[in-house]
């Protein structure tokens, strides 16, 4: 490697290094795995990654503000499982969704309040609320690990939507990523999140509402988890609550 190439390599930032590694892995898989670059396989990979990406968007907002949300996967799986259970038991769609949305926002508010106002470390709060959500919903609100989507329901129809032969989940992820980019980059509240994450004491001293912003981040993360859960159910026509005990949470944090 000549001097110019070495300097270019040294100037790579974290994002550039991760992108370079991803390109190398993609090329290696394309060469070593037959059928890897088949269009159907690539679409399936992108579809599965989209849900992970959506969850990572909510987690990113929390992490930017020096927090972490270990309850995201539990909220994703258990809220949608409860929603589908209500539908299968005959509860009107609007009422069932209102119950679930209220529960999701309440968990987000609880996480934010305990972290922001009770000064409990986020890792303990969200680990506890995630366990609470999983245990309570599984034991009291649903009757089985895998809850199916009712036939003909809009969630099932959503899973079959495609544009240019690309699943709708991919476009939802792209749209949400763009909205999050606009929110964090160009809005006052988005800049507040960065300021509070960089130096919460200085942010509070210049008048930024650090504690309310902290609550907002956890509420937003919970809401995004609900969206990811609905898209998972749309894709699989069911939701399996055992995903809470998988490695998905670590994948989200890594992203």
Protein backbone atom coordinates (compact mmCIF):
# COMPACT_ATOMS: atom_id res chain seq x y z
CA UNK A 1 0.00 0.00 0.00
CA UNK A 2 1.46 3.34 -1.02
CA UNK A 3 1.55 6.40 1.20
CA UNK A 4 -1.58 7.96 -0.35
CA UNK A 5 -3.58 4.77 0.17
CA UNK A 6 -2.37 4.50 3.77
CA UNK A 7 -3.41 8.06 4.51
CA UNK A 8 -6.84 7.47 2.97
CA UNK A 9 -7.25 4.37 5.14
CA UNK A 10 -6.20 6.27 8.27
CA UNK A 11 -8.72 9.01 7.49
CA UNK A 12 -11.69 6.61 7.50
CA UNK A 13 -14.18 7.34 10.26
CA UNK A 14 -16.17 4.74 12.16
CA UNK A 15 -19.01 4.72 9.64
CA UNK A 16 -16.57 4.33 6.75
CA UNK A 17 -14.85 1.36 8.38
CA UNK A 18 -18.17 -0.39 9.10
CA UNK A 19 -19.33 0.24 5.52
CA UNK A 20 -16.05 -1.13 4.14
CA UNK A 21 -16.36 -4.28 6.25
CA UNK A 22 -19.97 -4.73 5.09
CA UNK A 23 -18.91 -4.46 1.45
CA UNK A 24 -16.14 -7.03 1.96
CA UNK A 25 -18.55 -9.45 3.66
CA UNK A 26 -21.13 -8.97 0.91
CA UNK A 27 -18.57 -9.68 -1.82
CA UNK A 28 -17.26 -12.73 0.05
CA UNK A 29 -20.80 -14.12 0.46
CA UNK A 30 -21.60 -13.44 -3.18
CA UNK A 31 -18.52 -15.41 -4.23
CA UNK A 32 -18.70 -18.22 -1.69
CA UNK A 33 -22.45 -18.86 -1.34
CA UNK A 34 -24.36 -20.09 -4.41
CA UNK A 35 -27.58 -18.14 -4.93
CA UNK A 36 -26.67 -15.40 -2.46
CA UNK A 37 -27.07 -12.62 -5.03
CA UNK A 38 -30.33 -14.06 -6.33
CA UNK A 39 -32.96 -11.30 -6.37
CA UNK A 40 -35.40 -13.23 -4.16
CA UNK A 41 -32.70 -13.94 -1.59
CA UNK A 42 -31.58 -10.31 -1.47
CA UNK A 43 -35.18 -9.13 -1.05
CA UNK A 44 -35.68 -11.63 1.79
CA UNK A 45 -32.52 -10.39 3.52
CA UNK A 46 -33.52 -6.75 3.18
CA UNK A 47 -37.01 -7.55 4.44
CA UNK A 48 -35.72 -9.25 7.58
CA UNK A 49 -33.16 -6.50 8.21
CA UNK A 50 -35.83 -3.80 7.88
CA UNK A 51 -37.51 -4.73 11.17
CA UNK A 52 -34.13 -4.79 12.91
CA UNK A 53 -33.38 -1.39 11.40
CA UNK A 54 -36.67 0.07 12.61
CA UNK A 55 -35.99 -1.11 16.15
CA UNK A 56 -32.48 0.31 15.87
CA UNK A 57 -33.91 3.74 14.99
CA UNK A 58 -35.72 3.91 18.31
CA UNK A 59 -32.69 2.58 20.15
CA UNK A 60 -30.43 5.10 18.39
CA UNK A 61 -32.41 8.05 19.72
CA UNK A 62 -32.06 6.68 23.25
CA UNK A 63 -28.36 5.90 22.90
CA UNK A 64 -27.58 9.33 21.42
CA UNK A 65 -28.94 10.75 24.65
CA UNK A 66 -26.65 8.52 26.77
CA UNK A 67 -29.30 5.93 27.54
CA UNK A 68 -30.25 2.40 26.57
CA UNK A 69 -33.59 0.63 26.19
CA UNK A 70 -33.46 -3.08 26.96
CA UNK A 71 -37.26 -3.32 26.93
CA UNK A 72 -37.61 -2.65 23.19
CA UNK A 73 -37.87 -6.28 22.07
CA UNK A 74 -40.31 -7.15 24.86
CA UNK A 75 -42.50 -4.18 23.93
CA UNK A 76 -42.33 -5.12 20.25
CA UNK A 77 -43.36 -8.74 20.72
CA UNK A 78 -45.73 -8.57 23.67
CA UNK A 79 -47.70 -5.49 22.60
CA UNK A 80 -48.49 -7.00 19.20
CA UNK A 81 -49.20 -10.41 20.76
CA UNK A 82 -51.74 -8.76 23.06
CA UNK A 83 -53.23 -6.83 20.13
CA UNK A 84 -53.69 -10.02 18.10
CA UNK A 85 -55.07 -11.85 21.13
CA UNK A 86 -57.68 -9.14 21.60
CA UNK A 87 -58.62 -9.34 17.92
CA UNK A 88 -58.92 -13.14 18.02
CA UNK A 89 -61.16 -12.89 21.09
CA UNK A 90 -63.58 -10.57 19.27
CA UNK A 91 -62.52 -7.14 20.55
CA UNK A 92 -63.21 -4.37 17.99
CA UNK A 93 -60.08 -3.39 16.09
CA UNK A 94 -60.09 0.28 17.10
CA UNK A 95 -60.60 -0.49 20.78
CA UNK A 96 -57.94 -3.21 20.77
CA UNK A 97 -55.41 -0.93 19.14
CA UNK A 98 -56.25 1.88 21.58
CA UNK A 99 -55.62 -0.45 24.54
CA UNK A 100 -52.28 -1.57 23.13
CA UNK A 101 -51.14 1.91 22.15
CA UNK A 102 -52.00 3.21 25.63
CA UNK A 103 -50.06 0.35 27.21
CA UNK A 104 -47.02 0.92 25.01
CA UNK A 105 -46.94 4.65 25.71
CA UNK A 106 -47.40 3.97 29.43
CA UNK A 107 -44.34 1.69 29.47
CA UNK A 108 -42.35 4.33 27.60
CA UNK A 109 -43.46 6.97 30.10
CA UNK A 110 -42.58 4.69 33.01
CA UNK A 111 -39.12 4.06 31.61
CA UNK A 112 -38.53 7.75 31.01
CA UNK A 113 -39.87 8.85 34.39
CA UNK A 114 -37.76 6.38 36.38
CA UNK A 115 -34.61 7.28 34.45
CA UNK A 116 -35.18 11.05 34.28
CA UNK A 117 -36.81 11.87 37.61
CA UNK A 118 -35.97 8.94 39.90
CA UNK A 119 -32.36 8.82 38.61
CA UNK A 120 -32.39 5.04 38.32
CA UNK A 121 -29.80 3.78 35.78
CA UNK A 122 -31.43 3.13 32.42
CA UNK A 123 -30.00 -0.37 32.10
CA UNK A 124 -31.74 -1.47 35.32
CA UNK A 125 -35.02 0.30 34.58
CA UNK A 126 -35.47 -1.03 31.06
CA UNK A 127 -34.29 -4.54 31.96
CA UNK A 128 -36.90 -4.61 34.72
CA UNK A 129 -39.74 -3.18 32.63
CA UNK A 130 -38.90 -5.54 29.77
CA UNK A 131 -39.16 -8.50 32.14
CA UNK A 132 -42.37 -7.07 33.61
CA UNK A 133 -43.96 -6.64 30.19
CA UNK A 134 -42.99 -10.11 29.04
CA UNK A 135 -44.05 -11.86 32.25
CA UNK A 136 -47.34 -10.03 32.73
CA UNK A 137 -48.53 -10.23 29.14
CA UNK A 138 -47.52 -13.88 28.75
CA UNK A 139 -49.16 -14.99 31.98
CA UNK A 140 -52.24 -12.76 32.07
CA UNK A 141 -53.14 -11.44 28.62
CA UNK A 142 -52.27 -14.10 26.02
CA UNK A 143 -52.78 -17.86 25.92
CA UNK A 144 -49.91 -19.09 23.72
CA UNK A 145 -46.40 -18.19 22.64
CA UNK A 146 -47.27 -17.65 18.97
CA UNK A 147 -50.39 -15.58 18.26
CA UNK A 148 -51.72 -15.63 14.67
CA UNK A 149 -53.04 -12.66 12.72
CA UNK A 150 -56.80 -13.00 12.01
CA UNK A 151 -57.54 -13.85 8.39
CA UNK A 152 -58.28 -10.83 6.23
CA UNK A 153 -57.08 -8.35 8.85
CA UNK A 154 -55.21 -5.26 7.68
CA UNK A 155 -52.00 -6.52 9.29
CA UNK A 156 -52.15 -9.63 7.10
CA UNK A 157 -52.91 -7.54 4.03
CA UNK A 158 -50.02 -5.20 4.90
CA UNK A 159 -47.60 -8.12 4.74
CA UNK A 160 -48.58 -8.83 1.15
CA UNK A 161 -48.09 -5.28 -0.13
CA UNK A 162 -45.23 -4.77 -2.58
CA UNK A 163 -44.02 -1.91 -4.73
CA UNK A 164 -41.71 -2.71 -7.63
CA UNK A 165 -41.65 -6.24 -6.18
CA UNK A 166 -40.07 -4.91 -2.97
CA UNK A 167 -41.90 -5.64 0.34
CA UNK A 168 -43.60 -2.71 2.03
CA UNK A 169 -41.43 -3.18 5.16
CA UNK A 170 -38.42 -1.91 3.25
CA UNK A 171 -40.18 1.32 2.32
CA UNK A 172 -41.50 1.79 5.86
CA UNK A 173 -37.96 1.45 7.21
CA UNK A 174 -36.59 3.86 4.61
CA UNK A 175 -39.36 6.37 5.34
CA UNK A 176 -38.87 6.18 9.10
CA UNK A 177 -35.09 6.50 8.73
CA UNK A 178 -35.59 9.63 6.65
CA UNK A 179 -38.04 11.10 9.18
CA UNK A 180 -35.64 10.38 12.05
CA UNK A 181 -32.84 12.02 10.09
CA UNK A 182 -34.93 15.15 9.56
CA UNK A 183 -36.02 15.17 13.20
CA UNK A 184 -32.51 14.82 14.62
CA UNK A 185 -30.77 17.07 12.11
CA UNK A 186 -33.19 19.92 11.48
CA UNK A 187 -35.56 20.27 14.44
CA UNK A 188 -34.98 22.03 17.73
CA UNK A 189 -35.94 18.94 19.73
CA UNK A 190 -33.58 16.78 17.68
CA UNK A 191 -30.65 19.09 18.40
CA UNK A 192 -31.63 19.07 22.08
CA UNK A 193 -31.20 15.28 22.10
CA UNK A 194 -27.64 15.65 20.83
CA UNK A 195 -26.84 18.45 23.28
CA UNK A 196 -28.24 16.54 26.24
CA UNK A 197 -26.30 13.44 25.22
CA UNK A 198 -23.01 15.31 24.83
CA UNK A 199 -23.19 17.17 28.13
CA UNK A 200 -26.43 16.99 30.15
CA UNK A 201 -25.22 19.43 32.81
CA UNK A 202 -24.30 22.10 30.26
CA UNK A 203 -27.54 21.45 28.37
CA UNK A 204 -29.55 22.00 31.56
CA UNK A 205 -27.61 25.17 32.36
CA UNK A 206 -28.49 26.76 29.01
CA UNK A 207 -32.17 26.03 29.50
CA UNK A 208 -32.72 22.78 27.59
CA UNK A 209 -35.47 20.68 29.26
CA UNK A 210 -33.22 17.66 29.76
CA UNK A 211 -35.58 15.55 31.87
CA UNK A 212 -38.69 15.94 29.64
CA UNK A 213 -36.51 15.22 26.62
CA UNK A 214 -35.30 12.05 28.30
CA UNK A 215 -38.88 10.90 28.83
CA UNK A 216 -39.68 11.71 25.19
CA UNK A 217 -36.84 9.48 23.99
CA UNK A 218 -38.15 6.43 25.81
CA UNK A 219 -41.72 7.05 24.68
CA UNK A 220 -40.49 7.34 21.10
CA UNK A 221 -38.49 4.12 21.44
CA UNK A 222 -41.56 2.26 22.73
CA UNK A 223 -43.73 3.56 19.89
CA UNK A 224 -41.15 2.54 17.29
CA UNK A 225 -41.02 -0.93 18.86
CA UNK A 226 -44.79 -1.23 18.34
CA UNK A 227 -44.39 -0.34 14.66
CA UNK A 228 -41.64 -2.93 14.28
CA UNK A 229 -43.85 -5.53 15.93
CA UNK A 230 -46.74 -4.84 13.58
CA UNK A 231 -44.46 -5.20 10.57
CA UNK A 232 -43.07 -8.46 11.97
CA UNK A 233 -46.59 -9.82 12.36
CA UNK A 234 -47.45 -8.61 8.86
CA UNK A 235 -44.47 -10.44 7.42
CA UNK A 236 -44.93 -13.71 9.33
CA UNK A 237 -48.75 -13.57 9.76
CA UNK A 238 -48.13 -14.13 13.47
CA UNK A 239 -45.96 -12.96 16.33
CA UNK A 240 -43.83 -15.32 18.40
CA UNK A 241 -43.20 -14.05 21.92
CA UNK A 242 -40.14 -16.28 22.31
CA UNK A 243 -38.19 -13.71 20.32
CA UNK A 244 -37.90 -11.80 23.62
CA UNK A 245 -35.44 -14.45 24.82
CA UNK A 246 -33.40 -14.42 21.60
CA UNK A 247 -30.28 -12.43 20.72
CA UNK A 248 -32.32 -9.83 18.82
CA UNK A 249 -31.78 -7.22 21.54
CA UNK A 250 -27.99 -7.47 21.20
CA UNK A 251 -28.32 -7.15 17.42
CA UNK A 252 -30.29 -3.92 17.88
CA UNK A 253 -27.74 -2.46 20.28
CA UNK A 254 -24.95 -3.40 17.89
CA UNK A 255 -26.69 -1.63 15.00
